[in-house]
Amino acid sequence: MKPLKFKFVYCLLVLSLTCFSQNKKSLLDSIIELRRLSNQSSLTNNQRVAAALRANELSKSSAHDTTYFKSDRNLSFVYLMTGNYDQFGESTLNNLELATKLNDSIAIGIANKNLGYYYYQIKEDNSTAYKYYLNALIYFDALSNLREQAEILTSIAAIQDDEKDYLGSEQNAIEALKILNSLDYYKDQYLDKYLVLNLLGIVSLKLGNYEESISYHNQAIELTKRLKNNYYLNLQSKNNLAITYRDKGDLETTLSIYRELLEETEVLKKDMSFYALVLENYAFTKFLYGNYEYKTLESDLKYALKIGDSIEDQYTILAVSIDLAKFYKANKKKDSALKYAKESYKISKDIPINDLYLESMLILANLTKGEESKSYLEEHIALSDSLLDRERKVRNKFARIKYGTDQLEAKNKQISKENLYLLILSIGLLLTAILVYLVISQRAKNRKLRLVQVQQKANEAIYNLLLGQQDKVDEARAKEKIRVSKELHDGVLGRLFGARLSLDVMNSKEGKEAVKTRANYIAQLKTIEEDIRKISHELNTDFVAGSGFIEILTELIETQSKAYGLGHEFKYDFDISWDLVPNKTKINMYRIIQESMQNIFKHAEAKTIKISISLEKNVICLDIIDDGIGFDTSKSKKGIGLKNMTSRAADCDGTITLSSQINQGSTINVKIPYLSETL
């Protein structure tokens, strides 16, 4: 009977539209009725979408932007509820365009939030989702909508957790929790708090903050008591708590929690994937504890694997296979260990799940010998490096998105401030005009004089505002010219010079190797060309960070020395923790070395260059020594290169000293504070 009922409803829908027309009912009533029908769960998905589309078409033909906007937003919602996700994304983009056209801040915020959800949950494009969520946060912050801010901050924190920006994730999640704690009770408040607490527990564990992770998970467990249908969330949080205790090394508490969970076997079996996960974690914890019965533990792990096979859950199969490989390896059953290690390797490669993929490669490297073991180890190293590079790029990309969003937010605030000033000025002018009118009606003789005075005040205010803005623009332009000059001279020109010199050297060579080398240098020139196009956006790029700074310097020195035909020696102090050194300092040190080597090649006629970095009394000492012809230091040196080096040293609160004698080479000594007093 149900199909007939749906056909009847659908026919009634079409008939109702005809009746609307025949009875000359308003177009708006038709649109509202269609929207209502599109949200009726008793209709099929196709019928709901058809009603929403028809409402959208009628709204568009009405030439009323607000009506069209509401129908378009309704269409997006219907697409989402009926599983038409691609159409949901397209419709939401159109909704954002309409909201922007109407200058509806709430609607713009909601559209950005929905697009963030679409790209994060459906398209799995974290970078694009992050951008839309940040845009939404700006609007809801301006609207002082704290609930929406908390929800968006939680989503951003989840994205950062996925991309392994754990500190950023923790910061945003804590901010979301603070907002939620400040709000009066609303319907989904406990669920929102639970999601934030659960995320904080997971992130704290990844940061190695075990006690904080345990505290957050216990708070989440306590909160589930206030939630409807909370049993599954309660069990899930207990499993997360057990994992935290296991990573902390408290295996007895871990086993106690898992025994408590397995007492709820009938409930767990309603979600066989979760049941297999709990069983596998319990068995593996017993293995780590060491006090286990071999056959029982083997049986539990294989039963968990069987569950994974039966429901075709690749993640469960992968996790249990790795545990079985470790179990058999520890019990000296190499063939069985190798079998499950290869199985986990194959699955993790296909899915892929990178953490488990790396783990399976390490197990295989330990279980095999010779070239096979070496190949697994090399693959492990290559993937690790690739993942680290990807994480770094993603974090940098997030930073650029955040920077761009902050700039937009600052611009919006400035516009709002200017609009406020304009409003105040308008009110002032209006009051002045009223006053002038009253004066005119009472004192006709003073009318022209008062009008001139008012106009003069207004003109002076506008003139002063223009002067102030022009001063700021001129100052910003001057600073930008200096900064661009430094970057072009120290960075791009140095690389161009090196590439040109290398190409000059290659002109005397022939053969395939020479052609290949020339092609490499031409590729470098293309890269430099791209750098020049993008220099206005990339001058502040954080390209030297952490432990890779010495490697970057080594590559610079080796590349430049080879291009210039110089012998080189590079020594550095291992006691310096470059993660603690500001990026600005590292960038300036890099540019000083680059400029020095270029000057030595151009002027010193040196054969060898020695560069050393040492730490002396909390001061980083950079020494650059060449065996060239030297020069008379009493003569004034006004080259742009030396000026830039001096400026860069001063920019880091450091000093630079140049010493030289004729035919005895030159020495450049740079001293920069290592750690500030506050550290």
Foldseek 3Di string as FASTA:
>chain_A
DLVVVQVVVLVVLVVVVVVCVVVVPDLLVNLVVLLVVLPDPSHALVSSLVSLVVSLVSQVVVVDLVSNLVSLVSNLVSCVVNVVLVVNLVSLVVSCVSCVVVVPLQSNLVSLQSNLCSCVVPVVNLLSSLLSLLLSLLSCVVVVVLLSNLVSLQSNLVSCVVLVVLVSSLVSLVVSLVSLVPDDDDDCSLVSLLSSLQSNLVSCLVVVNLVSSLVSLVVSLVSLVVDPVSPVVNLVSLLSNLVSCVVVPNLVVSLVSLVVSCVVVVVCVVPLLSSLVSLLVNLLSCVVVPPDDLVVSVVSLVVSCVSCVVVVPLVSVLSSLCSQLVSCVVVVNLVSNLVSLVVNCVSCVVVPDLVSNLSSLCSNLVSDDDPRSVVSVVVSVVSVVVSVVVSVVSVLSSVLSVVVSVVVSVVVVVVVVVVVVVVVVVVVVVVLVVVLVVCCVVPVPCNVVSVVVSVVVVVVVVVVVVVVVVVVVVVVVVVVVVLVVLCCVLPLVLLVVLLVLQLVVLVVDDDPVSVVVNVVSVVVVVVSVVCVVCVVPCSPRLPDAWPCLVVVLVVLVVSLCVSLQAAEEEEEDPVAGRNQADSLLSVLVSSLVSLVSVCCSVPFPFRYKYWYWYADPQKIKIKIWTQGQWDDPVDDDDDPSVVSNQVSLVVQVKGWDKDTDGRGTIMIIIIHGRHDPVD
